Every structure is written in C-alpha cells, then in structure tokens.
Protein backbone atom coordinates (compact mmCIF):
# COMPACT_ATOMS: atom_id res chain seq x y z
CA MET A 1 -57.26 -6.63 18.52
CA THR A 2 -56.90 -3.33 17.59
CA ASP A 3 -54.09 -1.81 15.33
CA PRO A 4 -53.23 1.72 16.78
CA VAL A 5 -50.16 2.16 14.75
CA ASN A 6 -51.73 1.03 10.99
CA ALA A 7 -49.23 -2.11 10.87
CA PHE A 8 -51.99 -4.90 9.69
CA VAL A 9 -53.09 -5.00 6.13
CA PRO A 10 -56.56 -3.31 6.04
CA GLY A 11 -59.99 -5.82 6.07
CA PRO A 12 -60.22 -8.81 8.17
CA ARG A 13 -57.46 -10.43 10.05
CA ALA A 14 -57.15 -14.49 10.55
CA ARG A 15 -55.77 -15.65 13.35
CA ILE A 16 -54.29 -19.14 12.94
CA ALA A 17 -53.70 -21.26 16.32
CA GLY A 18 -50.05 -23.00 16.30
CA HIS A 19 -49.44 -26.72 16.96
CA PRO A 20 -49.81 -26.87 20.89
CA GLY A 21 -46.62 -27.67 23.30
CA GLY A 22 -44.50 -26.70 20.84
CA PRO A 23 -41.28 -24.45 21.82
CA LEU A 24 -42.81 -21.03 20.32
CA SER A 25 -46.10 -21.56 22.31
CA GLY A 26 -47.60 -18.75 23.77
CA LEU A 27 -46.21 -16.58 21.35
CA ARG A 28 -47.68 -14.56 18.65
CA PHE A 29 -46.39 -13.68 15.09
CA ALA A 30 -47.63 -11.21 12.42
CA VAL A 31 -46.46 -11.78 8.75
CA LYS A 32 -45.24 -9.34 6.03
CA ASP A 33 -47.67 -9.19 3.08
CA LEU A 34 -44.99 -11.23 1.00
CA PHE A 35 -45.65 -14.40 2.44
CA ASP A 36 -48.33 -16.75 1.32
CA VAL A 37 -50.60 -17.20 4.52
CA ALA A 38 -53.49 -20.33 2.83
CA GLY A 39 -56.88 -18.57 2.49
CA LEU A 40 -55.41 -15.16 2.56
CA PRO A 41 -54.77 -13.01 -0.13
CA THR A 42 -51.15 -12.19 -0.65
CA GLY A 43 -51.30 -8.75 -1.57
CA GLY A 44 -47.42 -7.46 -1.78
CA GLY A 45 -48.21 -3.84 -0.80
CA ASN A 46 -50.16 -3.01 -4.09
CA HIS A 47 -53.75 -3.84 -4.90
CA ASP A 48 -53.80 -5.00 -8.17
CA TRP A 49 -51.12 -7.65 -7.29
CA ALA A 50 -53.51 -9.48 -5.04
CA LYS A 51 -56.02 -8.91 -8.12
CA ALA A 52 -54.04 -10.44 -10.32
CA ASN A 53 -53.17 -13.71 -8.47
CA PRO A 54 -54.84 -16.43 -6.94
CA ILE A 55 -55.32 -16.67 -3.28
CA PRO A 56 -52.88 -19.01 -2.13
CA THR A 57 -53.99 -22.58 -0.64
CA ARG A 58 -50.61 -23.55 1.00
CA HIS A 59 -48.40 -21.51 3.95
CA ALA A 60 -44.98 -19.88 3.05
CA TRP A 61 -42.52 -22.55 4.76
CA THR A 62 -41.25 -19.59 7.14
CA VAL A 63 -45.44 -19.41 8.12
CA GLN A 64 -45.78 -23.15 8.60
CA THR A 65 -42.82 -23.36 10.48
CA LEU A 66 -43.49 -21.06 13.24
CA LEU A 67 -47.12 -22.53 13.37
CA ASP A 68 -45.50 -26.13 13.66
CA ALA A 69 -43.27 -24.86 16.87
CA GLY A 70 -46.69 -23.45 17.98
CA ALA A 71 -46.89 -19.34 17.65
CA ASP A 72 -49.87 -18.21 16.57
CA CYS A 73 -50.87 -16.21 13.48
CA VAL A 74 -52.08 -12.94 14.31
CA GLY A 75 -52.23 -11.39 10.46
CA LYS A 76 -50.64 -10.02 7.77
CA THR A 77 -48.70 -6.48 7.92
CA ILE A 78 -48.14 -3.74 5.63
CA THR A 79 -44.95 -3.42 3.18
CA ASP A 80 -43.61 -1.21 0.88
CA GLU A 81 -45.21 -1.44 -2.58
CA VAL A 82 -43.75 -5.04 -3.89
CA SER A 83 -41.16 -4.71 -1.30
CA LEU A 84 -39.55 -1.61 -3.29
CA GLY A 85 -38.64 0.92 -0.41
CA ILE A 86 -36.53 1.47 2.37
CA LEU A 87 -38.47 4.31 4.47
CA GLY A 88 -42.01 2.63 5.21
CA GLU A 89 -44.20 4.21 3.17
CA ASN A 90 -46.83 2.83 0.82
CA ALA A 91 -49.49 5.29 -1.22
CA PHE A 92 -52.30 2.30 -1.06
CA ASP A 93 -52.31 1.35 2.69
CA GLY A 94 -50.76 4.20 4.38
CA THR A 95 -47.38 4.30 6.72
CA PRO A 96 -47.24 2.29 9.73
CA ILE A 97 -46.04 4.34 12.98
CA ASN A 98 -43.10 4.17 14.52
CA SER A 99 -43.86 3.39 18.28
CA ALA A 100 -40.05 4.84 19.07
CA ALA A 101 -40.65 7.99 17.33
CA PRO A 102 -44.20 8.79 16.05
CA GLU A 103 -43.34 11.31 13.91
CA ARG A 104 -40.88 9.57 11.86
CA VAL A 105 -40.98 6.78 9.41
CA PRO A 106 -41.02 2.98 10.96
CA GLY A 107 -38.22 2.29 7.81
CA GLY A 108 -38.90 -0.47 4.93
CA SER A 109 -40.21 -2.54 3.30
CA SER A 110 -40.90 -4.62 6.26
CA SER A 111 -42.62 -1.52 8.06
CA GLY A 112 -45.96 -3.28 9.28
CA SER A 113 -43.89 -6.05 10.79
CA ALA A 114 -41.35 -4.02 12.35
CA ALA A 115 -44.34 -1.65 13.94
CA ALA A 116 -46.21 -4.51 15.17
CA VAL A 117 -43.51 -5.59 17.32
CA ALA A 118 -42.48 -2.44 18.36
CA ALA A 119 -46.06 -1.35 19.22
CA GLY A 120 -46.14 -5.10 21.18
CA LEU A 121 -49.28 -6.07 18.85
CA CYS A 122 -47.27 -9.46 18.57
CA ASP A 123 -44.11 -10.98 19.70
CA ILE A 124 -42.57 -11.67 16.28
CA ALA A 125 -43.18 -10.70 12.77
CA LEU A 126 -41.49 -12.04 9.57
CA GLY A 127 -40.19 -9.60 6.94
CA THR A 128 -37.51 -9.67 4.09
CA ASP A 129 -34.61 -7.89 3.22
CA THR A 130 -33.35 -7.71 -0.27
CA GLY A 131 -31.40 -4.53 0.04
CA GLY A 132 -32.01 -3.27 3.87
CA SER A 133 -35.41 -4.10 4.37
CA MET A 134 -35.09 -6.24 7.88
CA ARG A 135 -31.85 -4.19 9.28
CA VAL A 136 -33.13 -0.28 8.54
CA PRO A 137 -36.75 -0.86 10.45
CA ALA A 138 -35.33 -2.70 13.24
CA SER A 139 -32.67 0.51 13.34
CA PHE A 140 -35.93 2.60 13.08
CA CYS A 141 -38.31 1.27 15.31
CA GLY A 142 -35.47 0.09 18.24
CA ILE A 143 -35.95 -3.52 18.09
CA TYR A 144 -33.94 -6.96 16.77
CA GLY A 145 -33.85 -7.69 13.77
CA ILE A 146 -31.50 -10.24 11.06
CA ARG A 147 -31.15 -10.45 7.54
CA PRO A 148 -29.93 -14.11 7.88
CA THR A 149 -27.11 -15.42 4.84
CA HIS A 150 -28.50 -15.45 1.27
CA GLY A 151 -30.11 -18.96 1.08
CA ARG A 152 -30.29 -20.05 4.62
CA LEU A 153 -34.06 -20.05 5.05
CA ASP A 154 -36.36 -21.68 2.65
CA LEU A 155 -37.97 -18.62 0.43
CA THR A 156 -41.24 -21.55 -0.45
CA GLY A 157 -44.28 -19.41 -0.74
CA LEU A 158 -42.73 -15.95 -0.77
CA LEU A 159 -43.00 -13.05 -3.25
CA PRO A 160 -39.86 -12.52 -4.81
CA GLN A 161 -38.11 -9.39 -5.73
CA ALA A 162 -34.46 -9.76 -7.06
CA PRO A 163 -33.91 -13.84 -6.20
CA SER A 164 -29.84 -13.02 -6.05
CA SER A 165 -30.34 -11.37 -3.23
CA ASP A 166 -33.55 -11.89 -1.10
CA THR A 167 -33.77 -12.96 2.38
CA ALA A 168 -36.36 -13.59 4.76
CA GLY A 169 -35.81 -12.47 8.72
CA TRP A 170 -37.81 -12.14 11.82
CA PHE A 171 -37.91 -9.17 14.41
CA ALA A 172 -38.33 -9.29 17.99
CA ARG A 173 -38.54 -7.07 21.09
CA ASP A 174 -36.33 -9.05 23.44
CA ALA A 175 -32.75 -11.14 22.52
CA ALA A 176 -34.15 -14.27 24.22
CA THR A 177 -37.28 -14.38 22.16
CA PHE A 178 -35.08 -13.72 19.14
CA ALA A 179 -33.11 -16.18 19.49
CA LYS A 180 -35.65 -18.78 20.49
CA VAL A 181 -37.14 -17.89 16.75
CA GLY A 182 -33.60 -18.14 15.49
CA SER A 183 -33.21 -21.86 16.73
CA VAL A 184 -36.27 -22.75 15.25
CA LEU A 185 -35.97 -21.12 11.78
CA LEU A 186 -32.26 -22.08 11.38
CA GLY A 187 -33.20 -25.30 12.98
CA GLU A 188 -29.59 -25.31 15.54
CA ALA A 189 -28.76 -23.90 18.79
CA SER A 190 -26.73 -20.74 18.93
CA GLY A 191 -22.94 -21.10 18.07
CA PRO A 192 -19.75 -20.02 20.25
CA LEU A 193 -19.45 -16.33 21.27
CA PRO A 194 -16.72 -14.45 18.57
CA THR A 195 -13.61 -14.43 19.60
CA LYS A 196 -12.31 -11.40 17.13
CA LEU A 197 -14.13 -7.93 16.83
CA LEU A 198 -13.35 -5.82 13.37
CA ILE A 199 -14.76 -2.55 13.53
CA ALA A 200 -15.61 -0.95 10.05
CA VAL A 201 -14.18 2.71 9.88
CA ASP A 202 -15.57 3.83 6.76
CA ALA A 203 -18.85 2.78 7.60
CA PHE A 204 -18.86 5.00 11.12
CA GLY A 205 -17.02 8.04 9.20
CA PHE A 206 -20.12 7.73 6.96
CA ALA A 207 -22.74 7.91 9.67
CA ASP A 208 -23.69 11.33 10.79
CA PRO A 209 -20.79 11.92 13.80
CA GLU A 210 -24.21 11.82 16.76
CA VAL A 211 -25.17 8.21 15.50
CA ALA A 212 -21.23 7.36 15.50
CA ASP A 213 -20.78 8.73 19.06
CA ALA A 214 -24.30 7.19 19.86
CA LEU A 215 -22.89 3.66 19.47
CA GLN A 216 -19.97 3.94 20.85
CA PRO A 217 -20.22 1.92 24.15
CA MET A 218 -22.29 -0.78 22.09
CA VAL A 219 -18.74 -1.04 20.19
CA ARG A 220 -16.97 -1.19 23.72
CA LYS A 221 -19.40 -3.97 24.93
CA LEU A 222 -18.36 -5.98 21.86
CA GLU A 223 -14.99 -5.32 22.51
CA ARG A 224 -14.92 -6.82 25.23
CA ILE A 225 -16.98 -9.74 24.70
CA ALA A 226 -14.76 -10.47 21.86
CA GLY A 227 -11.84 -9.92 23.62
CA ALA A 228 -9.78 -8.91 20.45
CA ALA A 229 -11.30 -5.74 18.37
CA ARG A 230 -8.97 -4.00 15.45
CA GLU A 231 -10.12 -1.40 12.70
CA GLU A 232 -10.89 -1.90 9.15
CA ILE A 233 -11.84 -0.53 5.93
CA MET A 234 -15.10 -2.68 5.29
CA ALA A 235 -15.01 -1.36 1.22
CA PRO A 236 -11.69 -0.52 -0.14
CA GLN A 237 -13.23 0.19 -3.04
CA GLY A 238 -15.74 2.99 -1.47
CA LEU A 239 -18.88 2.18 0.31
CA SER A 240 -20.44 4.17 -2.50
CA VAL A 241 -19.43 1.59 -5.20
CA TRP A 242 -20.69 -1.18 -3.52
CA ALA A 243 -23.89 0.74 -3.56
CA ARG A 244 -23.80 1.78 -6.99
CA ALA A 245 -23.13 -2.09 -8.13
CA GLN A 246 -26.39 -3.17 -5.68
CA ARG A 247 -28.54 -0.38 -7.49
CA SER A 248 -27.24 -1.78 -11.13
CA LEU A 249 -27.94 -5.28 -9.95
CA GLN A 250 -31.21 -5.45 -7.63
CA PRO A 251 -33.47 -2.95 -10.11
CA VAL A 252 -32.42 -5.10 -13.00
CA GLU A 253 -33.67 -8.38 -11.24
CA ALA A 254 -36.67 -6.46 -9.79
CA TRP A 255 -38.16 -5.75 -13.47
CA GLN A 256 -37.20 -9.18 -14.59
CA THR A 257 -39.92 -10.41 -11.88
CA PHE A 258 -42.24 -7.52 -12.26
CA ARG A 259 -42.41 -7.09 -15.93
CA PRO A 260 -44.84 -10.05 -16.99
CA TRP A 261 -47.36 -8.49 -14.34
CA ILE A 262 -46.75 -4.81 -15.37
CA GLU A 263 -46.89 -5.60 -19.47
CA GLN A 264 -50.16 -7.87 -18.94
CA HIS A 265 -51.71 -5.98 -16.35
CA ASN A 266 -50.79 -1.95 -15.98
CA PRO A 267 -50.73 -1.65 -12.76
CA ARG A 268 -51.20 1.38 -10.82
CA MET A 269 -48.51 2.37 -8.77
CA ALA A 270 -46.73 4.83 -6.67
CA PHE A 271 -44.20 7.36 -8.48
CA SER A 272 -41.45 6.18 -6.71
CA VAL A 273 -41.93 2.52 -7.49
CA ALA A 274 -42.28 3.01 -11.19
CA ALA A 275 -39.28 4.77 -11.33
CA GLY A 276 -37.26 2.42 -10.17
CA LEU A 277 -38.63 -0.65 -12.31
CA ILE A 278 -38.20 1.80 -15.55
CA ALA A 279 -34.79 2.54 -14.30
CA GLY A 280 -34.17 -1.61 -13.85
CA SER A 281 -35.59 -1.59 -17.23
CA GLN A 282 -32.59 0.82 -18.69
CA VAL A 283 -29.74 -0.61 -16.87
CA PRO A 284 -26.75 -1.24 -20.00
CA ALA A 285 -25.07 -4.44 -20.53
CA GLY A 286 -21.58 -3.18 -19.50
CA GLU A 287 -23.09 -1.46 -16.30
CA ARG A 288 -24.31 -4.82 -15.42
CA ASN A 289 -21.10 -7.02 -16.01
CA TRP A 290 -19.21 -4.09 -14.07
CA ALA A 291 -21.75 -4.68 -10.94
CA ALA A 292 -21.81 -8.22 -11.27
CA LEU A 293 -17.59 -8.03 -11.30
CA MET A 294 -17.54 -5.47 -8.11
CA ARG A 295 -20.35 -8.23 -6.23
CA GLU A 296 -17.39 -10.90 -6.47
CA GLU A 297 -15.01 -8.27 -5.00
CA ALA A 298 -17.23 -7.46 -1.71
CA ARG A 299 -17.60 -11.18 -1.75
CA ALA A 300 -13.94 -11.93 -1.70
CA ARG A 301 -13.28 -9.10 0.37
CA LEU A 302 -15.89 -10.31 3.39
CA ARG A 303 -14.81 -13.77 2.89
CA TYR A 304 -10.95 -12.32 3.73
CA LEU A 305 -12.35 -10.24 6.76
CA LEU A 306 -14.97 -12.99 8.35
CA PRO A 307 -13.33 -16.20 9.13
CA ALA A 308 -15.01 -18.32 11.50
CA GLY A 309 -15.07 -16.56 14.77
CA THR A 310 -14.87 -13.03 13.93
CA ILE A 311 -17.92 -10.38 13.77
CA LEU A 312 -17.86 -7.13 11.60
CA CYS A 313 -19.30 -3.98 13.18
CA LEU A 314 -20.83 -1.18 11.46
CA PRO A 315 -23.76 1.54 11.97
CA THR A 316 -27.06 -0.20 10.51
CA THR A 317 -28.25 3.42 9.15
CA PRO A 318 -26.20 6.63 9.01
CA PHE A 319 -28.84 8.46 10.60
CA PRO A 320 -31.75 8.11 12.77
CA ALA A 321 -35.32 8.22 11.40
CA PRO A 322 -36.63 10.53 9.12
CA LEU A 323 -39.78 12.59 9.11
CA ARG A 324 -42.77 10.96 7.93
CA GLY A 325 -43.95 12.56 4.27
CA LEU A 326 -41.42 14.24 2.97
CA PRO A 327 -41.19 15.54 -0.51
CA THR A 328 -40.06 13.35 -2.98
CA PRO A 329 -36.74 15.30 -4.17
CA GLU A 330 -35.68 14.99 -0.43
CA LEU A 331 -36.23 11.17 -0.39
CA GLN A 332 -33.88 9.92 -3.07
CA PRO A 333 -30.30 11.32 -1.14
CA LEU A 334 -31.73 9.72 1.97
CA ARG A 335 -32.13 6.18 -0.17
CA ASP A 336 -28.89 6.83 -1.34
CA ARG A 337 -27.14 6.84 1.79
CA ILE A 338 -28.34 4.27 3.49
CA THR A 339 -27.90 1.92 0.70
CA CYS A 340 -23.99 2.80 1.16
CA LEU A 341 -24.37 1.21 4.44
CA CYS A 342 -26.86 -1.50 3.70
CA ALA A 343 -25.61 -2.42 0.10
CA GLN A 344 -23.07 -4.90 1.61
CA GLY A 345 -26.05 -7.43 2.88
CA GLY A 346 -27.71 -8.06 -0.47
CA LEU A 347 -24.28 -7.33 -2.83
CA THR A 348 -22.28 -10.24 -0.29
CA ARG A 349 -24.96 -12.12 1.11
CA ILE A 350 -23.20 -12.28 4.13
CA ALA A 351 -25.70 -12.42 7.50
CA PRO A 352 -25.77 -9.19 9.14
CA ALA A 353 -28.19 -8.99 12.66
CA GLN A 354 -28.62 -6.18 14.74
CA PRO A 355 -30.85 -4.29 17.60
CA ALA A 356 -30.91 -0.99 18.00
CA ARG A 357 -30.99 1.54 21.02
CA ARG A 358 -32.14 4.90 21.31
CA HIS A 359 -30.42 8.35 20.04
CA GLY A 360 -32.37 11.05 22.35
CA GLU A 361 -36.11 10.62 21.02
CA ARG A 362 -35.18 8.67 17.57
CA ARG A 363 -33.79 5.54 16.89
CA ALA A 364 -29.98 4.71 15.61
CA GLY A 365 -29.08 1.10 14.65
CA ARG A 366 -26.73 -0.48 16.89
CA PRO A 367 -23.84 -1.86 14.77
CA LEU A 368 -23.72 -5.76 14.44
CA ASP A 369 -22.80 -7.38 11.31
CA HIS A 370 -21.45 -10.86 11.78
CA ARG A 371 -21.04 -14.36 9.97
CA TRP A 372 -22.84 -17.00 13.02
CA ALA A 373 -20.44 -19.39 13.84
CA GLY A 374 -23.24 -21.71 14.01
CA HIS A 375 -24.81 -20.88 10.35
CA ARG A 376 -24.29 -24.04 8.04
CA ARG A 377 -20.90 -23.84 5.85
CA GLN A 378 -19.85 -24.60 2.87
CA PRO A 379 -19.62 -28.18 2.43
CA ASP A 380 -15.56 -29.16 2.47
CA ARG A 381 -13.88 -30.08 -0.80
CA ARG A 382 -11.98 -32.77 0.05
CA ARG A 383 -9.50 -34.40 -1.96
CA PRO A 384 -8.86 -38.43 -2.10
CA SER A 385 -5.92 -40.31 -2.83
CA HIS A 386 -5.55 -40.03 -6.41
CA GLY A 387 -5.37 -35.93 -6.01
CA GLY A 388 -8.70 -35.03 -7.57
CA PRO A 389 -11.25 -33.32 -6.01
CA LEU A 390 -14.30 -35.63 -4.92
CA VAL A 391 -17.64 -33.93 -4.66
CA SER A 392 -18.65 -34.14 -1.54
CA ASP A 393 -22.46 -32.69 -1.49
CA LEU A 394 -25.13 -33.13 -3.93
CA THR A 395 -28.10 -31.90 -2.09
CA PRO A 396 -30.74 -30.74 -4.42
CA ASN A 397 -32.38 -27.67 -4.78
CA LEU A 398 -30.47 -25.56 -1.91
CA PRO A 399 -32.48 -22.25 -2.11
CA ASP A 400 -30.07 -19.98 -2.94
CA VAL A 401 -28.35 -21.84 -5.64
CA VAL A 402 -31.47 -22.36 -7.16
CA ALA A 403 -32.11 -17.93 -6.77
CA GLU A 404 -28.99 -17.95 -8.70
CA ILE A 405 -29.63 -20.08 -11.47
CA SER A 406 -33.19 -18.72 -11.83
CA ALA A 407 -31.96 -15.14 -11.89
CA LEU A 408 -29.23 -16.04 -14.78
CA PHE A 409 -31.42 -17.84 -16.61
CA GLU A 410 -34.27 -15.43 -16.86
CA ARG A 411 -31.28 -12.59 -17.74
CA TYR A 412 -30.10 -14.85 -20.70
CA GLU A 413 -33.26 -15.15 -22.03
CA GLN A 414 -33.99 -11.25 -21.50
CA ALA A 415 -30.50 -10.91 -23.45
CA LEU A 416 -32.00 -13.05 -26.22
CA ILE A 417 -34.77 -10.78 -26.66
CA ASP A 418 -32.59 -7.99 -26.65
CA LYS A 419 -29.98 -9.54 -28.67
CA GLU A 420 -27.03 -8.55 -25.85
CA VAL A 421 -24.41 -10.35 -27.66
CA ASP A 422 -22.24 -9.96 -24.52
CA ILE A 423 -24.43 -11.16 -22.23
CA LEU A 424 -25.15 -14.20 -23.91
CA ASP A 425 -21.25 -14.92 -24.36
CA ALA A 426 -20.63 -14.40 -20.63
CA SER A 427 -23.29 -16.95 -19.73
CA PHE A 428 -21.47 -19.62 -21.84
CA TRP A 429 -18.60 -21.61 -21.30
CA ASN A 430 -15.54 -20.02 -23.51
CA SER A 431 -14.24 -23.49 -24.53
CA PRO A 432 -14.18 -25.58 -27.76
CA HIS A 433 -15.95 -28.44 -25.73
CA THR A 434 -19.08 -26.17 -25.09
CA ILE A 435 -22.08 -27.57 -27.29
CA ARG A 436 -25.31 -25.70 -28.03
CA TYR A 437 -27.86 -27.66 -30.44
CA ALA A 438 -30.96 -25.55 -31.88
CA LEU A 439 -33.00 -25.50 -34.24
CA GLY A 440 -31.95 -25.28 -37.73
CA GLU A 441 -28.10 -24.61 -36.24
CA ASN A 442 -25.89 -26.59 -34.08
CA GLY A 443 -22.77 -24.72 -32.49
CA TYR A 444 -19.75 -27.03 -31.97
CA GLY A 445 -17.76 -24.71 -29.43
CA PHE A 446 -17.97 -21.42 -28.09
CA ASP A 447 -16.78 -19.46 -31.32
CA GLU A 448 -19.44 -21.01 -33.37
CA ILE A 449 -21.86 -20.30 -30.77
CA HIS A 450 -21.04 -16.90 -30.90
CA ALA A 451 -21.20 -16.31 -34.63
CA HIS A 452 -24.52 -17.94 -34.31
CA ARG A 453 -26.09 -15.11 -31.82
CA VAL A 454 -24.53 -12.43 -34.03
CA ALA A 455 -26.07 -13.32 -37.40
CA ARG A 456 -29.76 -13.96 -34.90
CA PRO A 457 -31.97 -10.93 -34.93
CA PRO A 458 -33.26 -9.26 -32.19
CA GLY A 459 -37.12 -10.06 -30.97
CA PRO A 460 -38.80 -12.48 -28.88
CA GLY A 461 -37.95 -15.76 -31.05
CA ILE A 462 -39.88 -18.41 -31.05
CA LYS A 463 -41.67 -18.95 -27.68
CA GLU A 464 -44.97 -17.48 -27.48
CA LYS A 465 -45.67 -18.62 -23.80
CA ARG A 466 -43.94 -21.12 -21.03
CA ILE A 467 -45.99 -24.08 -20.09
CA ARG A 468 -43.55 -25.44 -17.26
CA LEU A 469 -39.74 -24.50 -15.79
CA GLU A 470 -38.16 -26.71 -13.89
CA ILE A 471 -34.49 -25.90 -12.24
CA LEU A 472 -32.67 -28.78 -10.55
CA THR A 473 -29.42 -27.71 -8.72
CA LEU A 474 -27.03 -30.69 -7.15
CA GLY A 475 -25.09 -28.99 -4.48
CA ARG A 476 -23.41 -25.70 -5.30
CA ASP A 477 -21.55 -26.54 -8.45
CA PHE A 478 -23.92 -28.04 -10.96
CA ALA A 479 -27.24 -27.21 -11.91
CA THR A 480 -29.67 -27.87 -15.12
CA VAL A 481 -32.76 -25.94 -16.52
CA ASN A 482 -35.61 -27.16 -18.71
CA LEU A 483 -38.07 -25.25 -20.13
CA GLU A 484 -41.13 -26.41 -21.69
CA PHE A 485 -42.84 -23.74 -24.11
CA LYS A 486 -45.84 -23.48 -26.91
CA VAL A 487 -44.25 -22.22 -30.00
CA ARG A 488 -45.02 -18.77 -31.38
CA GLY A 489 -48.32 -18.82 -33.39
CA ARG A 490 -48.34 -22.30 -34.09
CA GLU A 491 -49.78 -25.47 -31.79
CA ILE A 492 -46.42 -26.86 -31.26
CA ILE A 493 -44.41 -27.57 -28.04
CA GLY A 494 -40.79 -26.36 -27.91
CA ARG A 495 -38.15 -27.89 -25.27
CA GLN A 496 -34.95 -26.33 -23.79
CA SER A 497 -32.75 -27.30 -21.72
CA GLN A 498 -29.12 -26.18 -20.28
CA THR A 499 -26.64 -27.46 -18.32
CA TRP A 500 -24.81 -24.98 -15.71
CA VAL A 501 -21.27 -25.67 -14.22
CA ARG A 502 -19.77 -23.54 -11.68
CA PHE A 503 -16.10 -22.77 -12.20
CA PRO A 504 -14.05 -21.91 -9.59
CA ASP A 505 -12.24 -18.99 -11.28
CA LEU A 506 -15.15 -17.98 -13.89
CA GLY A 507 -18.28 -18.15 -11.73
CA TRP A 508 -21.52 -19.88 -13.33
CA LYS A 509 -21.10 -21.03 -16.46
CA VAL A 510 -23.61 -22.90 -19.54
CA VAL A 511 -21.16 -25.84 -20.92
CA SER A 512 -24.29 -27.07 -23.06
CA ALA A 513 -27.06 -26.19 -24.20
CA HIS A 514 -30.49 -27.66 -26.40
CA VAL A 515 -33.74 -26.39 -28.18
CA SER A 516 -36.22 -28.75 -30.12
CA THR A 517 -39.29 -29.00 -30.90
CA MET A 518 -42.50 -31.90 -30.94
CA GLU A 519 -44.85 -31.74 -33.69
CA GLY A 520 -46.66 -34.87 -34.91
CA PRO A 521 -47.05 -38.41 -33.30
CA ARG A 522 -44.38 -39.64 -31.40
CA PRO A 523 -42.24 -42.02 -33.07
CA TRP A 524 -42.59 -44.99 -29.97
C-alpha cells in the first residue's frame, strides 16, 4: 500500500490480520505511534525515544481489542513529537498531508491517523487526546473523531504524556463505522438521543465569525434532534482562564513523564517541544495550586451543565486549518487560541466528540461536545438503614483513578526533591489522625509531619533508583502506593507506602505513609 499523504511512520509496515468473523471484519485500522504494537518500536514521533526503549512484546489494549473484533492493522502513523503538538508538524518525519486542504496542516498530535483516514488509506485510526489531539485533527481533516471521557478506555500499552488528561480515541470517515468502533471499544451500544441542547455562546463568540456562521446549520439540526435548546456560558471565569489552567497542569505532567528520559539520554528535539518541556519544569507551586483549584471549578461547572440527556455544543476550533510551514512566532498565538476551545476536555475530562464540515475549501469543525448517556456512570452512593455510607464499588485499578494517583505521587516525589513544602502539605490530610513513619522520624498528626518537612533539606534524599512501583486503587475513593527502591550509596533496599483517600470536599489526600529500609538477614 502506497502512502501519498505521508501518514505512516517511515520504514516497513507490518500488516496484522484481525480475528476472522468479528464485528469489525473487513475494516482496516492504523495506529498512532504512541500505542504499542508487538514487534514494532514505539517511536513517539522522536527517533531517540525508540532507541532508548525496548520493542514491545504485547499489543496495547486498544490495538488488541480492534484485532480481536476482526479489524486488520495496516501500520503505525506519524505523531507530533512525543504528542506535544496541536498542528501536526513533526521535525523528524515531516507533516502528513491534509487531503481536505493539502496546503494546510492536518492538526495534531494525532496527525498521521487523521490524514490516513481522510485519504482513505484505512477505515479507522487510533489516536490520543490530552489537550485536543483527537478533536483538532478531526476538525481540520473533515472526519469523525472522539475524545472519550477520561479513564473510559484502558490505556495499557500507551506512551503517556500527562496522565490526568490523557485519553485514547478513534477516527472514521462515516458515522456508521464510527459508531460500530465505539460499540467495540466502549463495550456497549449507543445510548438514547439527547433531549436537551446547550449552546456555548462564549465559545461561538470566541471563534472567527466565518466559522460561527458556517456552523449554524448544524446547530439548528441539533436543536431539532434534541427538541429543547438554550444558550449558556460554558466558562464563566473565561475561556482563557480555563486554558491557562490546562497550560499550567499539562506541561508539568509532561515534564514529569519525560524528565528521566531527557536527563539520561539528552535526546534531540524540535525547539518548540524542548521549550514546552522546559516551561513545564518551571511552573511555580503557586500556579500549579491555582490551576488545580480552577480544574475543580471547571469540572463542577460542567457537572452542573451536563446532566444525563444533555449535550453542550461549541466549535471544535476557532478557525480553519492554518497554512503549513508558518514561522515559529506565528504558531504560538494559534496554539493559544485553539487551547481556549479545547482546554475543557483535558481540564474537566468530559467527553467531546465531533464530526467536521467544509468551510469554503478548508475545514471548520462541527460543534458537538457531549456526555453520552450510554457511558459508564459513577457508581451510586447508597445509604443503608443506619444512615452511614455504604461502599458500593471496590473495582480494582480503574484506569482513570490509577492515572490520578500516579500523577499525584509523582508530584509529591518531585516536591520532596525541590522541598516545596506547600505541595507536600497539600498532599496530606490536615488532621491530628494523619501518620507518617520515616527513617529517624515519626510524625503523629499533620503539624508534626509539617515540622519534619520544614527541617528537611532539599535534594534527592535516600532514593537512588526505583526498583518497583505498585499502585492499587479500589473503586474511586481509596488507593495505596507502594515503592521499592535502592538506597543511595548503599546496597540496601528501601520501601515506601502511602494510603490515599478521596474526601468529598478535599479531594485526594494521604492519610498514612511509611518509609523503611531492609538490611541484613530477615528476622524470620
């Protein structure tokens, strides 16, 4: 199969046949080069990443699920470098061609997947979305694409970027194929049609007038389907305020994700990618804390706006696809404007999906941002006759909960190194019942733990190398983190554990913690 639009990763393309007779038999799918495909390197859009990491021996969950359903894998597609891009340009592998507007960018970071579907080189393609990387390419290339609710799909075998915002999604050219893939990946049939439409007037006002006008026929059609519609302000604080919060949180997590690789291998990077990672390493604690609070406000706003059966409609992007090869100074304002309309996905973790339509000879995304009635709901919190709460869900290791705890733990560990006492304090339950046992110190209650932190010098501490990290979550409100590590400068094994509880009014907090070492023979 030829590749006239430069959608696929250069080099040999392995074809993997799907299971015969499945619901997706006869369909071809491509895979963004962030997902593991057994026997092929996971390149992440950066040649040095592939060199530093072993070739996977198992398929990512999403890849295996499509193969099991009968679809045939036809290759891996180009991504923006380590998924840190929104326009679809890659300094290593080039920019895939947007078949809808060849002189314009395809959108990223799932650029190759969108380009392959738009050009008819495959029927389906897998992509990811942290801050817009499914939605923007779908809009620019004129195809269907979805960012599912955060944690809805298993991300096993996916190269992460910012775990508290990362999602996996898929593209298709037609609605029937798009829905069929959704039934397979989500494990359920489509839910009932919405009964109420909300029109985000602040988002439409932010878009270019030509885009807002071009979208009005689709808005009217959605009104007829839903039967009831009203205008609403999506972000009372301001779209740019929500975007600022996402731009404060996502780069910090990206830096935490890629920091070990950067420090150990000093990889080659495009200037814009390196600049973004450096910026993520320098976001001050106060800004991160503010952004975390704004995230909670944004989530609360969308929970209020989007009860079951309601959809929120807004432009996917504020303008059609920009020209290819624009100078660097012209790119950042475009990225900033896109983030103002895409931040609600990563910030609030609600599920947007959008087909696209023509706007002249370019593409402007059709607006559709909704919570599907068929999506898995939060478990009910029922109360027994004595009035106390009953834990009704102890499902282990829900992917979105594991991602949250992983991000919180990495944030805590980095704060230990940097001695950012505010972040350390914010991680623990402010209660006299909180306990932390450590080497040479015991903290009974929040105040004692705080005093030990203030007295502790900054620096990497006793951990020289991680040996094994295990995270166990039960339901959505309880988790443990357990780390085995080598003690710095000594042949001693250390162990660290934390117990996290999600409080209704406080969020996740550590209620007990323990650090110890094991040396010499075991006493039993």
